[in-house]
Amino acid sequence: MADRRIRKARFSSRDLCVLVDAVMERREEIFGSGGDPPDTQRRRDAWRYVTGRVNAVSGTRRTWEEVRKKVHDLKKSTKEKLAYNRRSWQAAGGGGPPDVKTLTEFENDMIVVFGKESLEGLRPVDIGTMPRPISQREHSGQHVVSEEQHAPEYQLSSIPLCNTDLPLIRGIKNENQETPSESLSTSEEWEEVVVGAEGTTVEAWRPSMVGALTQLDAVTDLNGPAFKRRLLEHGVRVEQSLAFMHTTLEDGMIRLDQRLSSLQSAIEQIATPVTAAVETSLMQAIGTAGASLMNAHSVAMDALGSKLKEAVVAGFDSLGEQLHGTMTEGFKNLIAAQCSTLTQMIAYCEEMPSTSGMNEVQAVDIHVSTSSVPPHISAQKYVN
């Protein structure tokens, strides 16, 4: 069974946004400058850099050839739509609004990258172009962005109002051109935008919709070409404002994620030394408390040993004294009992008849000697 090639996922809006920003950043390395083609190796390295930026935010891994093909496809679709819109304007004439194709935000980015003349070949542009505002990227390194990257300048050609032909509206200029009086100077913090030479400041996410009064403000004929022209211009401005707010909101979410990541990193950096300091202090406190507890335990054991030793010594002393007294009293009682017994025996012997005296006395003497009578008592008996 033949292997079927798996189709990769389409480029998401975020992928295309990062792709356009990376191409704008490496535009000279990819497309050259001043009409001179870039070096092959530099161009390939630039495409690889763009691919790395795209793969960093995309869930699908792509090669630099696929990324380059996507840019070429966007350029091709942009040229086709511009050519179709030009033919529609030419065919419509004054017979009503033409059938135009609105360019996507990324196709309008191709106009910024390659220039209007290189894609269409004509100076005027049709109303179907709706450039996506190019916000200031954190990694782009650009701090001054020209007006054509944020909002196109729309001016009506100097054709009398009685003319039935719809004039063409001048849109995005070439990327190398500037409008000094209407340049946008943005700070790195993206807090506010300075518009015009007067220094008017507005918030970055709130595009200015109010312009100077023109001849169209005096138009009262709602069926005339001037009113239709004004209505189309207003519709384009509304679409531009919506696209600008969408892009600014998207950029704000990206910046919010970056700020949250930075905040998390800062918290981790702060938490590490704080944790180390707390652990060190806690270990020192635990060590000090443990040492104090061990010292108290040793002192208590020493005191208990001393008290126990004193109690044992006192107990043995008391026991020895009691034992000595008891033994002394016992020996005294024993001696007294023996003396009493001997006295009774002597008296008994004296009371016996003298006829049988000597034999019995000898028998008594033998019995007393076997009874361990003290020598002085035996001698006294014999003396008597």
Protein backbone atom coordinates (compact mmCIF):
# COMPACT_ATOMS: atom_id res chain seq x y z
CA MET A 1 0.00 0.00 0.00
CA ALA A 2 1.45 3.33 -1.05
CA ASP A 3 2.28 5.83 1.70
CA ARG A 4 -0.09 8.77 1.81
CA ARG A 5 1.43 12.16 2.43
CA ILE A 6 0.03 13.84 5.55
CA ARG A 7 -1.15 17.40 4.92
CA LYS A 8 0.13 19.90 7.46
CA ALA A 9 -2.15 22.30 9.25
CA ARG A 10 -2.82 25.71 7.77
CA PHE A 11 -1.04 28.80 8.98
CA SER A 12 -2.97 30.36 11.84
CA SER A 13 -3.46 34.11 12.22
CA ARG A 14 -0.77 34.23 14.86
CA ASP A 15 1.63 32.28 12.63
CA LEU A 16 1.03 34.70 9.76
CA CYS A 17 1.41 37.71 12.03
CA VAL A 18 4.79 36.48 13.29
CA LEU A 19 5.75 35.52 9.73
CA VAL A 20 5.06 39.02 8.38
CA ASP A 21 6.91 40.68 11.26
CA ALA A 22 9.96 38.45 10.78
CA VAL A 23 9.97 39.09 7.02
CA MET A 24 9.78 42.84 7.66
CA GLU A 25 12.69 42.52 10.08
CA ARG A 26 14.89 40.64 7.58
CA ARG A 27 13.52 42.26 4.44
CA GLU A 28 16.88 43.45 3.12
CA GLU A 29 18.54 40.06 3.62
CA ILE A 30 15.67 38.32 1.80
CA PHE A 31 14.78 40.72 -1.02
CA GLY A 32 17.85 42.93 -1.19
CA SER A 33 18.10 46.71 -1.15
CA GLY A 34 18.62 49.29 -3.86
CA GLY A 35 17.86 46.81 -6.62
CA ASP A 36 20.81 44.58 -5.74
CA PRO A 37 19.96 40.93 -5.06
CA PRO A 38 21.08 39.57 -1.69
CA ASP A 39 23.70 36.92 -1.20
CA THR A 40 22.33 33.38 -1.46
CA GLN A 41 23.66 32.27 1.90
CA ARG A 42 22.39 35.42 3.64
CA ARG A 43 18.97 34.96 2.07
CA ARG A 44 18.83 31.34 3.20
CA ASP A 45 19.92 32.27 6.72
CA ALA A 46 17.25 34.97 6.81
CA TRP A 47 14.56 32.49 5.73
CA ARG A 48 15.74 30.11 8.44
CA TYR A 49 15.51 32.90 10.99
CA VAL A 50 11.94 33.63 9.86
CA THR A 51 11.14 29.91 10.07
CA GLY A 52 12.49 29.75 13.61
CA ARG A 53 10.29 32.66 14.65
CA VAL A 54 7.22 30.99 13.13
CA ASN A 55 7.96 27.58 14.65
CA ALA A 56 8.39 29.20 18.06
CA VAL A 57 4.68 30.12 18.18
CA SER A 58 3.21 27.46 15.89
CA GLY A 59 2.19 23.96 16.81
CA THR A 60 3.30 22.66 13.40
CA ARG A 61 6.97 22.36 12.48
CA ARG A 62 7.70 23.82 9.06
CA THR A 63 10.75 24.05 6.84
CA TRP A 64 12.11 27.30 5.50
CA GLU A 65 11.00 26.28 1.99
CA GLU A 66 7.39 26.00 3.21
CA VAL A 67 7.60 29.39 4.89
CA ARG A 68 9.06 30.97 1.75
CA LYS A 69 6.30 29.40 -0.37
CA LYS A 70 3.66 30.86 1.97
CA VAL A 71 5.08 34.35 1.50
CA HIS A 72 5.13 33.89 -2.27
CA ASP A 73 1.51 32.65 -2.18
CA LEU A 74 0.44 35.74 -0.24
CA LYS A 75 2.25 37.94 -2.72
CA LYS A 76 0.59 36.16 -5.65
CA SER A 77 -2.93 36.44 -4.19
CA THR A 78 -2.33 40.12 -3.43
CA LYS A 79 -1.29 40.84 -7.02
CA GLU A 80 -4.31 38.98 -8.38
CA LYS A 81 -6.75 40.89 -6.18
CA LEU A 82 -5.16 44.23 -7.00
CA ALA A 83 -5.37 43.48 -10.72
CA TYR A 84 -9.01 42.41 -10.38
CA ASN A 85 -9.91 45.54 -8.46
CA ARG A 86 -8.17 47.76 -11.01
CA ARG A 87 -10.13 46.17 -13.85
CA SER A 88 -13.35 46.53 -11.86
CA TRP A 89 -12.75 50.23 -11.34
CA GLN A 90 -11.96 50.76 -14.97
CA ALA A 91 -15.05 48.82 -16.09
CA ALA A 92 -17.40 50.53 -13.63
CA GLY A 93 -16.67 54.08 -14.66
CA GLY A 94 -19.54 56.21 -13.35
CA GLY A 95 -22.17 53.54 -13.51
CA GLY A 96 -22.10 52.62 -9.84
CA PRO A 97 -19.77 51.08 -7.27
CA PRO A 98 -17.46 48.46 -8.72
CA ASP A 99 -17.20 44.85 -7.61
CA VAL A 100 -13.96 44.84 -5.64
CA LYS A 101 -12.24 42.18 -3.59
CA THR A 102 -11.15 43.24 -0.13
CA LEU A 103 -7.62 42.29 0.73
CA THR A 104 -6.98 40.43 3.95
CA GLU A 105 -4.81 41.95 6.63
CA PHE A 106 -1.86 39.79 5.65
CA GLU A 107 -2.28 40.55 1.94
CA ASN A 108 -2.13 44.22 2.88
CA ASP A 109 1.06 43.42 4.75
CA MET A 110 2.48 42.21 1.46
CA ILE A 111 1.81 45.69 0.06
CA VAL A 112 3.85 47.13 2.91
CA VAL A 113 6.63 44.59 2.36
CA PHE A 114 6.89 44.78 -1.44
CA GLY A 115 5.41 48.20 -2.17
CA LYS A 116 2.29 49.15 -4.12
CA GLU A 117 4.05 49.86 -7.40
CA SER A 118 5.90 46.53 -7.45
CA LEU A 119 2.64 44.61 -7.03
CA GLU A 120 0.28 46.66 -9.21
CA GLY A 121 2.50 48.84 -11.31
CA LEU A 122 0.21 51.88 -10.95
CA ARG A 123 0.28 54.80 -8.57
CA PRO A 124 -3.47 54.99 -7.70
CA VAL A 125 -4.99 52.19 -5.70
CA ASP A 126 -8.52 50.95 -5.45
CA ILE A 127 -10.75 51.16 -2.46
CA GLY A 128 -10.48 47.42 -1.89
CA THR A 129 -7.14 47.71 -0.14
CA MET A 130 -7.45 47.69 3.60
CA PRO A 131 -3.99 47.80 5.18
CA ARG A 132 -3.57 46.14 8.52
CA PRO A 133 -1.81 48.46 10.97
CA ILE A 134 1.65 47.22 11.73
CA SER A 135 2.10 47.47 15.44
CA GLN A 136 5.41 47.96 17.08
CA ARG A 137 6.84 44.55 17.92
CA GLU A 138 8.99 43.98 20.88
CA HIS A 139 11.69 42.26 18.86
CA SER A 140 11.49 44.42 15.75
CA GLY A 141 13.81 47.08 17.08
CA GLN A 142 11.84 49.87 15.32
CA HIS A 143 10.68 52.88 17.33
CA VAL A 144 9.47 55.20 14.57
CA VAL A 145 6.82 53.77 12.27
CA SER A 146 5.61 55.68 9.24
CA GLU A 147 1.95 56.57 8.74
CA GLU A 148 1.39 54.10 5.93
CA GLN A 149 2.10 51.19 8.29
CA HIS A 150 -0.74 52.21 10.59
CA ALA A 151 -3.44 53.99 8.64
CA PRO A 152 -3.44 54.96 4.98
CA GLU A 153 -3.87 58.52 3.86
CA TYR A 154 -7.00 58.91 1.80
CA GLN A 155 -7.34 62.01 -0.34
CA LEU A 156 -9.73 62.66 -3.16
CA SER A 157 -8.31 63.65 -6.47
CA SER A 158 -8.93 67.21 -7.53
CA ILE A 159 -11.87 66.44 -9.85
CA PRO A 160 -14.89 68.76 -9.81
CA LEU A 161 -17.99 67.45 -8.12
CA CYS A 162 -20.01 67.74 -11.29
CA ASN A 163 -17.90 65.11 -12.97
CA THR A 164 -19.71 61.77 -13.13
CA ASP A 165 -16.55 59.66 -13.05
CA LEU A 166 -15.60 58.29 -9.66
CA PRO A 167 -12.07 59.37 -8.80
CA LEU A 168 -9.55 56.93 -7.58
CA ILE A 169 -8.47 57.17 -3.97
CA ARG A 170 -4.83 57.43 -3.22
CA GLY A 171 -3.97 54.77 -0.65
CA ILE A 172 -0.77 53.24 0.65
CA LYS A 173 2.43 54.78 -0.62
CA ASN A 174 5.66 53.00 -1.20
CA GLU A 175 7.37 51.86 1.97
CA ASN A 176 10.40 54.09 1.26
CA GLN A 177 8.27 57.25 1.14
CA GLU A 178 7.37 59.30 4.20
CA THR A 179 4.87 61.93 5.19
CA PRO A 180 6.75 64.04 7.73
CA SER A 181 3.73 66.03 8.86
CA GLU A 182 1.72 62.89 9.62
CA SER A 183 4.27 60.42 10.94
CA LEU A 184 3.52 58.36 14.02
CA SER A 185 6.19 58.54 16.71
CA THR A 186 5.64 55.79 19.19
CA SER A 187 7.40 55.33 22.47
CA GLU A 188 8.81 52.02 23.50
CA GLU A 189 6.12 51.61 26.14
CA TRP A 190 3.36 51.94 23.50
CA GLU A 191 1.47 54.31 25.78
CA GLU A 192 0.37 57.01 23.36
CA VAL A 193 0.75 58.08 19.74
CA VAL A 194 1.74 61.56 18.59
CA VAL A 195 -0.10 62.54 15.40
CA GLY A 196 0.82 65.47 13.19
CA ALA A 197 3.04 68.47 13.67
CA GLU A 198 0.70 69.87 16.35
CA GLY A 199 1.66 67.09 18.76
CA THR A 200 -1.85 65.76 19.33
CA THR A 201 -1.71 62.62 21.47
CA VAL A 202 -4.23 59.81 21.39
CA GLU A 203 -4.24 56.37 22.94
CA ALA A 204 -2.64 53.72 20.80
CA TRP A 205 -5.74 51.54 20.56
CA ARG A 206 -8.11 54.39 19.68
CA PRO A 207 -7.63 55.53 16.06
CA SER A 208 -8.62 59.06 15.20
CA MET A 209 -11.74 59.06 13.03
CA VAL A 210 -12.22 62.79 12.81
CA GLY A 211 -10.53 64.58 9.96
CA ALA A 212 -10.53 68.07 8.56
CA LEU A 213 -13.65 69.37 6.84
CA THR A 214 -13.59 68.95 3.08
CA GLN A 215 -15.88 69.80 0.21
CA LEU A 216 -17.78 66.56 0.80
CA ASP A 217 -19.21 67.95 4.04
CA ALA A 218 -21.35 70.29 2.01
CA VAL A 219 -22.80 67.50 -0.16
CA THR A 220 -26.56 67.33 0.08
CA ASP A 221 -27.31 65.20 -2.98
CA LEU A 222 -27.64 61.68 -1.58
CA ASN A 223 -27.84 60.17 -5.08
CA GLY A 224 -24.82 61.92 -6.52
CA PRO A 225 -21.40 60.35 -7.07
CA ALA A 226 -19.81 62.57 -4.43
CA PHE A 227 -21.99 61.12 -1.71
CA LYS A 228 -21.35 57.59 -2.93
CA ARG A 229 -17.65 58.32 -2.94
CA ARG A 230 -17.87 59.66 0.59
CA LEU A 231 -19.89 56.65 1.72
CA LEU A 232 -17.34 54.22 0.30
CA GLU A 233 -14.52 56.13 1.95
CA HIS A 234 -16.31 56.02 5.28
CA GLY A 235 -16.84 52.26 4.96
CA VAL A 236 -13.15 51.73 4.28
CA ARG A 237 -12.21 53.82 7.30
CA VAL A 238 -14.56 51.83 9.50
CA GLU A 239 -13.01 48.57 8.28
CA GLN A 240 -9.54 49.99 8.86
CA SER A 241 -10.44 51.06 12.38
CA LEU A 242 -11.87 47.63 13.18
CA ALA A 243 -8.77 45.93 11.78
CA PHE A 244 -6.55 48.32 13.73
CA MET A 245 -8.39 47.68 16.99
CA HIS A 246 -8.31 43.92 16.38
CA THR A 247 -4.57 43.97 15.74
CA THR A 248 -3.90 46.26 18.69
CA LEU A 249 -5.94 44.00 20.96
CA GLU A 250 -4.04 40.97 19.67
CA ASP A 251 -0.73 42.73 20.27
CA GLY A 252 -1.94 43.72 23.72
CA MET A 253 -2.66 40.10 24.57
CA ILE A 254 0.80 39.10 23.36
CA ARG A 255 2.37 41.86 25.44
CA LEU A 256 0.26 40.83 28.42
CA ASP A 257 1.56 37.27 28.11
CA GLN A 258 5.10 38.63 27.93
CA ARG A 259 4.55 40.84 30.99
CA LEU A 260 3.08 37.90 32.90
CA SER A 261 6.07 35.78 31.94
CA SER A 262 8.42 38.55 33.05
CA LEU A 263 6.49 38.92 36.30
CA GLN A 264 6.68 35.18 36.91
CA SER A 265 10.43 35.22 36.24
CA ALA A 266 10.87 38.16 38.60
CA ILE A 267 8.87 36.41 41.30
CA GLU A 268 10.98 33.28 40.86
CA GLN A 269 14.18 35.33 41.05
CA ILE A 270 12.97 37.05 44.22
CA ALA A 271 11.62 33.84 45.74
CA THR A 272 14.93 31.97 45.37
CA PRO A 273 17.06 34.21 47.68
CA VAL A 274 14.14 34.72 50.06
CA THR A 275 13.64 30.97 50.34
CA ALA A 276 17.36 30.45 50.87
CA ALA A 277 17.47 33.15 53.55
CA VAL A 278 14.41 31.75 55.32
CA GLU A 279 15.78 28.22 55.18
CA THR A 280 19.15 29.41 56.54
CA SER A 281 17.53 31.37 59.38
CA LEU A 282 15.21 28.49 60.17
CA MET A 283 18.04 25.97 60.24
CA GLN A 284 20.09 28.25 62.47
CA ALA A 285 17.14 28.71 64.84
CA ILE A 286 16.48 24.98 64.89
CA GLY A 287 20.17 24.30 65.54
CA THR A 288 20.27 26.83 68.38
CA ALA A 289 17.09 25.43 69.93
CA GLY A 290 18.41 21.88 69.57
CA ALA A 291 21.70 22.81 71.22
CA SER A 292 19.85 24.52 74.08
CA LEU A 293 17.63 21.49 74.49
CA MET A 294 20.62 19.16 74.58
CA ASN A 295 22.34 21.34 77.17
CA ALA A 296 19.20 21.41 79.31
CA HIS A 297 18.87 17.66 78.97
CA SER A 298 22.49 17.15 80.02
CA VAL A 299 22.07 19.44 83.03
CA ALA A 300 18.87 17.64 84.02
CA MET A 301 20.54 14.24 83.70
CA ASP A 302 23.49 15.40 85.79
CA ALA A 303 21.17 16.75 88.49
CA LEU A 304 19.11 13.56 88.45
CA GLY A 305 22.27 11.44 88.73
CA SER A 306 23.51 13.49 91.66
CA LYS A 307 20.20 13.26 93.48
CA LEU A 308 19.96 9.53 92.78
CA LYS A 309 23.50 8.98 94.01
CA GLU A 310 22.83 10.92 97.17
CA ALA A 311 19.61 8.98 97.76
CA VAL A 312 21.34 5.63 97.23
CA VAL A 313 24.22 6.56 99.51
CA ALA A 314 21.83 7.78 102.18
CA GLY A 315 19.74 4.62 101.83
CA PHE A 316 22.74 2.36 102.16
CA ASP A 317 23.99 4.32 105.16
CA SER A 318 20.62 4.06 106.87
CA LEU A 319 20.35 0.38 105.98
CA GLY A 320 23.84 -0.30 107.36
CA GLU A 321 23.07 1.48 110.60
CA GLN A 322 19.82 -0.41 111.01
CA LEU A 323 21.51 -3.72 110.18
CA HIS A 324 24.35 -3.02 112.62
CA GLY A 325 21.91 -2.16 115.40
CA THR A 326 19.81 -5.23 114.70
CA MET A 327 22.82 -7.56 114.69
CA THR A 328 24.19 -6.02 117.89
CA GLU A 329 20.86 -6.41 119.64
CA GLY A 330 20.58 -10.02 118.39
CA PHE A 331 24.03 -10.95 119.61
CA LYS A 332 23.29 -9.39 123.00
CA ASN A 333 20.04 -11.32 123.29
CA LEU A 334 21.80 -14.53 122.22
CA ILE A 335 24.55 -14.10 124.81
CA ALA A 336 22.01 -13.31 127.50
CA ALA A 337 20.00 -16.42 126.62
CA GLN A 338 23.10 -18.62 126.72
CA CYS A 339 24.16 -17.17 130.03
CA SER A 340 20.72 -17.80 131.48
CA THR A 341 20.75 -21.37 130.21
CA LEU A 342 24.18 -22.05 131.69
CA THR A 343 23.14 -20.57 135.00
CA GLN A 344 20.14 -22.83 135.13
CA MET A 345 22.28 -25.85 134.25
CA ILE A 346 24.77 -25.04 136.97
CA ALA A 347 22.02 -24.65 139.50
CA TYR A 348 20.52 -27.91 138.44
CA CYS A 349 23.82 -29.69 138.81
CA GLU A 350 24.30 -28.31 142.31
CA GLU A 351 20.93 -29.60 143.42
CA MET A 352 21.60 -33.22 142.37
CA PRO A 353 22.64 -35.79 145.11
CA SER A 354 26.30 -36.03 145.76
CA THR A 355 26.26 -39.84 145.45
CA SER A 356 25.96 -39.72 141.83
CA GLY A 357 27.71 -36.45 141.51
CA MET A 358 30.91 -37.13 139.68
CA ASN A 359 29.54 -39.25 136.86
CA GLU A 360 26.70 -36.89 136.20
CA VAL A 361 28.95 -33.88 136.43
CA GLN A 362 31.26 -35.40 133.87
CA ALA A 363 28.33 -36.16 131.62
CA VAL A 364 27.15 -32.57 132.02
CA ASP A 365 30.63 -31.30 131.33
CA ILE A 366 30.79 -33.27 128.12
CA HIS A 367 27.38 -31.97 127.06
CA VAL A 368 28.28 -28.38 127.83
CA SER A 369 31.54 -28.59 125.93
CA THR A 370 29.71 -29.85 122.88
CA SER A 371 27.37 -26.90 123.25
CA SER A 372 30.25 -24.44 122.81
CA VAL A 373 30.16 -23.01 126.36
CA PRO A 374 32.67 -20.21 126.80
CA PRO A 375 35.91 -21.21 128.54
CA HIS A 376 35.54 -18.88 131.51
CA ILE A 377 32.11 -20.34 132.30
CA SER A 378 33.45 -23.92 132.17
CA ALA A 379 36.38 -23.06 134.40
CA GLN A 380 34.06 -21.43 136.92
CA LYS A 381 31.90 -24.54 136.95
CA TYR A 382 34.86 -26.75 137.69
CA VAL A 383 36.03 -24.44 140.44
CA ASN A 384 32.68 -24.67 142.16
